[in-house]
Amino acid sequence: MSRYFSGRILTLAGCALLCTALLGQPRLAAQGFESGVQLCLHSVLPALFPYFVVCELLSSLSLRGWPIRLLARLLGLQSEQTASALLLAWAGGYAVCARMAARLRQAGTITSRDATLLLLLGCCSGPGFVIGCVGGLLLGNLRLGILLYAAQLAVNLLCAALCLPLLPHSTPPRSQPAAAQPGPVLLPSALSSAVDSSLQVCGCVIFFRTVATLLAPYLPKAPLATACMSALLEISAGCADFSALGGRTALYGCCVCLSLLGLSVWMQLALLLQGTVSFRPLVVSRLLHLVLFPPLVGLCARFLPGCAAVYRSLTGPVIPIGRLAPDAAVVVFLFLCAALYKIRQNFYNG
């Protein structure tokens, strides 16, 4: 009871401080909100929204066969369903991983050990964000984004192997009545679900970007301090701030953001998992990830053609000066159309 009461006190105190800051610094709050919206429109949505649609279309596919069985055996997974969910998690990112782990565990189709191992192996940033947003848009090097994505998966495997003693004992899944297999996801429903996921991500980006802006006057007057605060709060804002610093700081700062994930991602994971999987092994795994990931990326970047300008000292930020405006405009237009359609549909259904 005391722990519950203390949690409520801390929540009320945090809300009171946030409301005080919003009322006392309305100009800073508006700047943070505007910065978050620009980050979503220029980087997050063009890189993630089309990929969310593709992942939703693939989510209804039941992957089976000897490649899935081989993957499950190599990774120590006890069921093909876990291996199939892992492939979708690697393609869709941490949100897909948490959603699949909670869904399979609640249905009683996988063991608690498999659910925890799925979280350790599959909790990562998706290729749409790492390759498209971080590599292509923020760092200006698509090959570097591919390297970051492949390296984070490799470190996930290594950290999961080191965390095997922390896995819960294997308990047989609860027997459930056979349910009808869901049909393939159609494009309208995929667009609707992708809009929901994009709004959730953008909402977290804007909120934590606003909080970081409100906290900026109380931090040391240095861009590095602002970038560190953004990294602790939200992964997208952290990568954007670190990439603006240029040089090795941009590269290794993005590595830190991808390892820590940020408070926003941890809150989303807690919401999606709903207590079905323990957080302790994942916390240990991400701390190990933070130690191993930046050195591996720095070592591999030395052998990547055309990346010398990224990991060496630069005088300016590693952000492309010009980018194709029409492609981003088309993606934003499609996203807004889908959002307006969903709002209209919910209005008339209500």
Protein backbone atom coordinates (compact mmCIF):
# COMPACT_ATOMS: atom_id res chain seq x y z
CA MET A 1 0.00 0.00 0.00
CA SER A 2 2.83 2.39 0.85
CA ARG A 3 4.49 1.75 -2.51
CA TYR A 4 1.23 2.41 -4.32
CA PHE A 5 0.71 5.60 -2.30
CA SER A 6 4.28 6.76 -3.01
CA GLY A 7 3.77 6.14 -6.73
CA ARG A 8 0.63 8.27 -6.71
CA ILE A 9 2.43 11.06 -4.83
CA LEU A 10 5.27 11.06 -7.36
CA THR A 11 2.80 11.07 -10.26
CA LEU A 12 0.86 13.98 -8.82
CA ALA A 13 4.07 15.88 -8.10
CA GLY A 14 5.33 15.34 -11.65
CA CYS A 15 2.02 16.48 -13.15
CA ALA A 16 2.01 19.56 -10.92
CA LEU A 17 5.55 20.50 -11.93
CA LEU A 18 4.77 19.97 -15.60
CA CYS A 19 1.62 22.11 -15.42
CA THR A 20 3.56 24.83 -13.60
CA ALA A 21 6.27 24.80 -16.26
CA LEU A 22 3.70 24.90 -19.08
CA LEU A 23 1.90 27.86 -17.51
CA GLY A 24 5.07 29.67 -16.49
CA GLN A 25 6.95 29.22 -19.78
CA PRO A 26 4.31 29.21 -22.55
CA ARG A 27 6.79 30.43 -25.16
CA LEU A 28 9.23 27.60 -24.45
CA ALA A 29 6.37 25.09 -24.50
CA ALA A 30 5.26 26.38 -27.89
CA GLN A 31 8.83 26.14 -29.21
CA GLY A 32 9.15 22.57 -27.99
CA PHE A 33 5.81 21.62 -29.53
CA GLU A 34 6.78 23.22 -32.85
CA SER A 35 10.15 21.47 -32.80
CA GLY A 36 8.47 18.12 -32.18
CA VAL A 37 5.99 18.64 -35.03
CA GLN A 38 8.79 19.58 -37.43
CA LEU A 39 10.77 16.50 -36.41
CA CYS A 40 7.75 14.29 -37.07
CA LEU A 41 6.96 15.86 -40.45
CA HIS A 42 10.53 16.04 -41.74
CA SER A 43 12.02 12.80 -40.40
CA VAL A 44 9.77 10.44 -38.44
CA LEU A 45 6.66 10.20 -40.62
CA PRO A 46 8.41 9.95 -44.04
CA ALA A 47 10.59 7.13 -42.70
CA LEU A 48 8.08 5.21 -40.54
CA PHE A 49 4.56 5.58 -41.90
CA PRO A 50 5.03 3.59 -45.16
CA TYR A 51 6.93 0.95 -43.22
CA PHE A 52 4.14 0.65 -40.65
CA VAL A 53 1.71 -0.08 -43.47
CA VAL A 54 3.95 -2.85 -44.87
CA CYS A 55 4.42 -4.42 -41.42
CA GLU A 56 0.67 -4.46 -40.83
CA LEU A 57 0.14 -6.20 -44.17
CA LEU A 58 2.72 -8.85 -43.20
CA SER A 59 1.52 -9.32 -39.61
CA SER A 60 -1.28 -11.73 -40.57
CA LEU A 61 1.09 -14.09 -42.37
CA SER A 62 1.88 -17.30 -40.48
CA LEU A 63 5.49 -18.05 -41.35
CA ARG A 64 6.29 -21.74 -41.20
CA GLY A 65 8.64 -24.26 -42.76
CA TRP A 66 12.16 -25.50 -42.25
CA PRO A 67 13.79 -22.02 -42.24
CA ILE A 68 11.61 -21.02 -39.27
CA ARG A 69 12.35 -24.30 -37.49
CA LEU A 70 16.07 -23.82 -38.13
CA LEU A 71 15.94 -20.25 -36.77
CA ALA A 72 14.11 -21.43 -33.65
CA ARG A 73 16.67 -24.17 -33.05
CA LEU A 74 19.65 -21.86 -33.57
CA LEU A 75 18.30 -19.25 -31.14
CA GLY A 76 17.08 -21.70 -28.52
CA LEU A 77 13.41 -20.91 -29.04
CA GLN A 78 10.90 -23.58 -28.12
CA SER A 79 8.24 -22.89 -30.74
CA GLU A 80 8.01 -21.85 -34.37
CA GLN A 81 5.49 -19.17 -33.42
CA THR A 82 8.15 -17.40 -31.38
CA ALA A 83 10.60 -17.51 -34.30
CA SER A 84 7.94 -16.16 -36.66
CA ALA A 85 7.14 -13.36 -34.21
CA LEU A 86 10.85 -12.57 -33.94
CA LEU A 87 11.15 -12.02 -37.69
CA LEU A 88 8.21 -9.63 -37.58
CA ALA A 89 9.78 -7.86 -34.58
CA TRP A 90 13.06 -7.38 -36.46
CA ALA A 91 11.06 -5.86 -39.32
CA GLY A 92 8.66 -3.75 -37.24
CA GLY A 93 10.70 -2.77 -34.19
CA TYR A 94 10.10 -2.77 -30.44
CA ALA A 95 6.36 -2.03 -30.66
CA VAL A 96 5.71 -5.10 -32.83
CA CYS A 97 7.92 -7.19 -30.54
CA ALA A 98 6.08 -6.19 -27.37
CA ARG A 99 2.67 -6.55 -29.00
CA MET A 100 3.47 -10.05 -30.30
CA ALA A 101 5.03 -11.20 -26.99
CA ALA A 102 2.01 -10.05 -24.98
CA ARG A 103 -0.48 -11.49 -27.48
CA LEU A 104 1.17 -14.93 -27.63
CA ARG A 105 1.68 -15.08 -23.87
CA GLN A 106 -1.90 -14.09 -23.09
CA ALA A 107 -3.15 -16.69 -25.57
CA GLY A 108 -1.05 -19.33 -23.81
CA THR A 109 0.70 -20.44 -27.00
CA ILE A 110 4.29 -19.80 -25.86
CA THR A 111 6.13 -20.28 -22.56
CA SER A 112 7.26 -17.48 -20.28
CA ARG A 113 10.87 -18.31 -21.22
CA ASP A 114 10.14 -17.91 -24.94
CA ALA A 115 8.27 -14.64 -24.32
CA THR A 116 11.20 -13.17 -22.38
CA LEU A 117 13.73 -14.39 -24.95
CA LEU A 118 11.59 -12.92 -27.74
CA LEU A 119 11.72 -9.57 -25.97
CA LEU A 120 15.51 -9.73 -25.56
CA LEU A 121 16.12 -10.70 -29.18
CA GLY A 122 13.49 -8.57 -30.88
CA CYS A 123 13.35 -5.36 -28.85
CA CYS A 124 15.08 -2.99 -31.26
CA SER A 125 14.40 -0.05 -33.52
CA GLY A 126 12.97 -1.06 -36.89
CA PRO A 127 14.78 -0.64 -40.20
CA GLY A 128 12.40 2.13 -41.23
CA PHE A 129 13.66 4.28 -38.38
CA VAL A 130 17.31 3.21 -38.21
CA ILE A 131 18.04 3.00 -41.94
CA GLY A 132 15.60 5.57 -43.30
CA CYS A 133 15.43 8.16 -40.53
CA VAL A 134 18.74 7.92 -38.63
CA GLY A 135 20.98 6.82 -41.49
CA GLY A 136 19.38 8.38 -44.55
CA LEU A 137 17.92 11.61 -43.15
CA LEU A 138 19.85 12.51 -39.98
CA LEU A 139 23.34 11.20 -40.70
CA GLY A 140 23.01 11.55 -44.48
CA ASN A 141 24.45 8.09 -45.19
CA LEU A 142 22.14 5.20 -46.01
CA ARG A 143 24.93 2.60 -45.77
CA LEU A 144 25.71 3.79 -42.28
CA GLY A 145 22.06 3.28 -41.38
CA ILE A 146 22.24 -0.30 -42.66
CA LEU A 147 25.35 -0.83 -40.53
CA LEU A 148 23.59 0.54 -37.44
CA TYR A 149 20.59 -1.72 -37.99
CA ALA A 150 22.67 -4.87 -38.56
CA ALA A 151 24.97 -4.09 -35.61
CA GLN A 152 22.09 -3.59 -33.19
CA LEU A 153 20.66 -6.99 -34.13
CA ALA A 154 24.07 -8.62 -33.68
CA VAL A 155 24.45 -7.04 -30.23
CA ASN A 156 20.90 -8.14 -29.37
CA LEU A 157 21.92 -11.74 -30.03
CA LEU A 158 25.06 -11.40 -27.92
CA CYS A 159 23.23 -9.71 -25.03
CA ALA A 160 20.49 -12.36 -25.08
CA ALA A 161 23.15 -15.07 -24.84
CA LEU A 162 24.72 -13.30 -21.84
CA CYS A 163 21.31 -12.94 -20.17
CA LEU A 164 20.29 -16.60 -20.49
CA PRO A 165 20.74 -17.22 -16.73
CA LEU A 166 18.13 -14.51 -16.05
CA LEU A 167 15.42 -16.20 -18.11
CA PRO A 168 12.49 -17.67 -16.16
CA HIS A 169 12.08 -21.40 -15.94
CA SER A 170 10.19 -22.89 -18.84
CA THR A 171 6.56 -23.52 -17.96
CA PRO A 172 4.21 -25.24 -20.41
CA PRO A 173 1.76 -22.88 -22.10
CA ARG A 174 -1.83 -22.98 -21.02
CA SER A 175 -4.04 -25.00 -23.31
CA GLN A 176 -6.51 -22.84 -25.17
CA PRO A 177 -9.38 -23.82 -27.47
CA ALA A 178 -8.48 -23.68 -31.12
CA ALA A 179 -9.44 -20.35 -32.63
CA ALA A 180 -10.09 -19.49 -36.23
CA GLN A 181 -7.04 -18.21 -38.06
CA PRO A 182 -7.36 -14.52 -38.91
CA GLY A 183 -7.59 -13.63 -42.56
CA PRO A 184 -5.13 -11.47 -44.42
CA VAL A 185 -4.97 -7.81 -43.47
CA LEU A 186 -6.42 -5.58 -46.19
CA LEU A 187 -4.96 -2.23 -47.17
CA PRO A 188 -7.66 -0.04 -45.49
CA SER A 189 -7.21 -1.78 -42.13
CA ALA A 190 -3.42 -1.67 -42.55
CA LEU A 191 -3.61 2.08 -43.18
CA SER A 192 -5.86 2.56 -40.15
CA SER A 193 -3.52 0.62 -37.86
CA ALA A 194 -0.47 2.42 -39.31
CA VAL A 195 -2.12 5.77 -38.60
CA ASP A 196 -2.70 4.72 -34.97
CA SER A 197 0.93 3.61 -34.58
CA SER A 198 2.23 6.78 -36.25
CA LEU A 199 0.06 9.02 -34.06
CA GLN A 200 1.30 7.18 -30.96
CA VAL A 201 4.94 7.65 -31.97
CA CYS A 202 4.46 11.28 -32.97
CA GLY A 203 2.55 12.00 -29.77
CA CYS A 204 5.45 10.69 -27.69
CA VAL A 205 7.94 12.65 -29.80
CA ILE A 206 6.03 15.92 -29.40
CA PHE A 207 5.36 15.45 -25.68
CA PHE A 208 8.91 14.58 -24.69
CA ARG A 209 10.33 17.19 -27.06
CA THR A 210 8.22 19.78 -25.24
CA VAL A 211 9.42 18.49 -21.85
CA ALA A 212 13.05 18.64 -23.00
CA THR A 213 12.58 22.25 -24.16
CA LEU A 214 11.09 23.22 -20.80
CA LEU A 215 14.03 21.61 -18.99
CA ALA A 216 16.64 23.24 -21.24
CA PRO A 217 16.98 26.50 -19.20
CA TYR A 218 17.98 24.46 -16.13
CA LEU A 219 20.70 22.52 -17.97
CA PRO A 220 24.25 23.64 -18.77
CA LYS A 221 24.33 25.90 -21.82
CA ALA A 222 25.80 23.27 -24.11
CA PRO A 223 24.27 21.41 -27.08
CA LEU A 224 25.65 18.15 -25.70
CA ALA A 225 23.65 18.52 -22.48
CA THR A 226 20.48 19.14 -24.49
CA ALA A 227 21.16 16.10 -26.65
CA CYS A 228 21.72 13.90 -23.58
CA MET A 229 18.44 15.08 -22.05
CA SER A 230 16.61 14.36 -25.32
CA ALA A 231 18.17 10.89 -25.49
CA LEU A 232 16.95 10.05 -22.00
CA LEU A 233 13.43 11.18 -22.83
CA GLU A 234 12.79 10.16 -26.46
CA ILE A 235 14.84 8.21 -28.99
CA SER A 236 13.86 10.18 -32.12
CA ALA A 237 14.58 13.57 -30.55
CA GLY A 238 17.83 12.25 -29.09
CA CYS A 239 19.08 11.00 -32.45
CA ALA A 240 18.11 14.30 -34.09
CA ASP A 241 19.95 16.39 -31.48
CA PHE A 242 23.07 14.22 -31.52
CA SER A 243 23.21 14.15 -35.32
CA ALA A 244 23.18 17.96 -35.33
CA LEU A 245 26.42 17.98 -33.31
CA GLY A 246 28.41 16.35 -36.11
CA GLY A 247 31.56 14.26 -36.05
CA ARG A 248 31.98 11.21 -33.89
CA THR A 249 29.52 12.64 -31.39
CA ALA A 250 26.74 12.25 -33.96
CA LEU A 251 27.52 8.60 -34.63
CA TYR A 252 28.13 7.46 -31.06
CA GLY A 253 25.29 9.60 -29.72
CA CYS A 254 22.85 7.84 -32.04
CA CYS A 255 24.28 4.52 -30.82
CA VAL A 256 23.55 5.53 -27.22
CA CYS A 257 19.98 6.50 -28.16
CA LEU A 258 19.39 3.17 -29.93
CA SER A 259 20.68 1.28 -26.89
CA LEU A 260 18.89 3.18 -24.13
CA LEU A 261 15.65 3.52 -26.16
CA GLY A 262 14.49 6.42 -23.99
CA LEU A 263 11.77 6.90 -21.39
CA SER A 264 9.11 7.16 -24.08
CA VAL A 265 9.86 3.69 -25.48
CA TRP A 266 9.95 2.11 -22.01
CA MET A 267 6.54 3.57 -21.27
CA GLN A 268 5.19 2.17 -24.53
CA LEU A 269 6.68 -1.25 -23.74
CA ALA A 270 5.05 -1.28 -20.30
CA LEU A 271 1.71 -0.36 -21.88
CA LEU A 272 1.93 -3.04 -24.57
CA LEU A 273 3.25 -5.87 -22.36
CA GLN A 274 0.69 -5.32 -19.57
CA GLY A 275 2.79 -7.28 -17.09
CA THR A 276 2.99 -10.46 -19.18
CA VAL A 277 6.80 -10.39 -19.36
CA SER A 278 9.30 -9.40 -16.69
CA PHE A 279 11.31 -6.22 -17.33
CA ARG A 280 14.41 -7.27 -15.35
CA PRO A 281 16.16 -9.30 -18.09
CA LEU A 282 15.42 -6.59 -20.65
CA VAL A 283 16.92 -3.85 -18.44
CA VAL A 284 20.12 -5.86 -17.98
CA SER A 285 20.22 -6.61 -21.70
CA ARG A 286 19.92 -2.95 -22.69
CA LEU A 287 22.70 -1.94 -20.28
CA LEU A 288 24.96 -4.55 -21.88
CA HIS A 289 23.81 -3.27 -25.27
CA LEU A 290 24.93 0.24 -24.30
CA VAL A 291 28.42 -1.08 -23.49
CA LEU A 292 28.88 -3.26 -26.60
CA PHE A 293 27.04 -1.42 -29.36
CA PRO A 294 29.07 1.82 -29.83
CA PRO A 295 32.50 0.07 -30.02
CA LEU A 296 31.18 -2.43 -32.57
CA VAL A 297 29.73 0.32 -34.76
CA GLY A 298 32.93 2.38 -34.51
CA LEU A 299 35.02 -0.65 -35.53
CA CYS A 300 32.79 -1.58 -38.48
CA ALA A 301 32.43 2.03 -39.68
CA ARG A 302 36.17 2.19 -40.37
CA PHE A 303 35.77 -0.45 -43.06
CA LEU A 304 32.59 1.00 -44.59
CA PRO A 305 33.30 2.86 -47.86
CA GLY A 306 32.23 6.48 -47.90
CA CYS A 307 31.70 6.84 -44.15
CA ALA A 308 34.95 8.55 -43.24
CA ALA A 309 33.18 11.93 -43.11
CA VAL A 310 30.79 10.63 -40.47
CA TYR A 311 33.01 9.17 -37.81
CA ARG A 312 35.85 11.66 -38.15
CA SER A 313 35.83 15.22 -36.80
CA LEU A 314 33.63 17.61 -38.73
CA THR A 315 33.07 21.30 -38.43
CA GLY A 316 29.39 21.20 -39.25
CA PRO A 317 26.42 19.00 -38.42
CA VAL A 318 26.03 15.72 -40.26
CA ILE A 319 22.68 16.62 -41.78
CA PRO A 320 22.03 16.71 -45.53
CA ILE A 321 21.75 20.30 -46.69
CA GLY A 322 19.15 19.49 -49.31
CA ARG A 323 16.65 16.66 -49.56
CA LEU A 324 13.90 15.74 -51.97
CA ALA A 325 10.93 17.78 -50.81
CA PRO A 326 8.32 16.15 -53.10
CA ASP A 327 8.75 12.66 -51.63
CA ALA A 328 8.28 13.89 -48.07
CA ALA A 329 5.30 16.01 -49.16
CA VAL A 330 3.61 13.00 -50.76
CA VAL A 331 4.10 10.83 -47.66
CA VAL A 332 2.82 13.55 -45.34
CA PHE A 333 -0.17 14.13 -47.64
CA LEU A 334 -1.06 10.42 -47.61
CA PHE A 335 -0.70 10.28 -43.82
CA LEU A 336 -2.96 13.29 -43.31
CA CYS A 337 -5.55 11.86 -45.70
CA ALA A 338 -5.55 8.55 -43.82
CA ALA A 339 -5.77 10.36 -40.46
CA LEU A 340 -8.71 12.49 -41.63
CA TYR A 341 -10.45 9.39 -43.00
CA LYS A 342 -10.03 7.59 -39.68
CA ILE A 343 -11.28 10.58 -37.69
CA ARG A 344 -14.32 10.84 -39.96
CA GLN A 345 -14.97 7.10 -39.63
CA ASN A 346 -14.76 7.21 -35.83
CA PHE A 347 -17.02 10.28 -35.74
CA TYR A 348 -19.79 8.66 -37.76
CA ASN A 349 -19.45 5.30 -35.98
CA GLY A 350 -19.75 7.06 -32.63
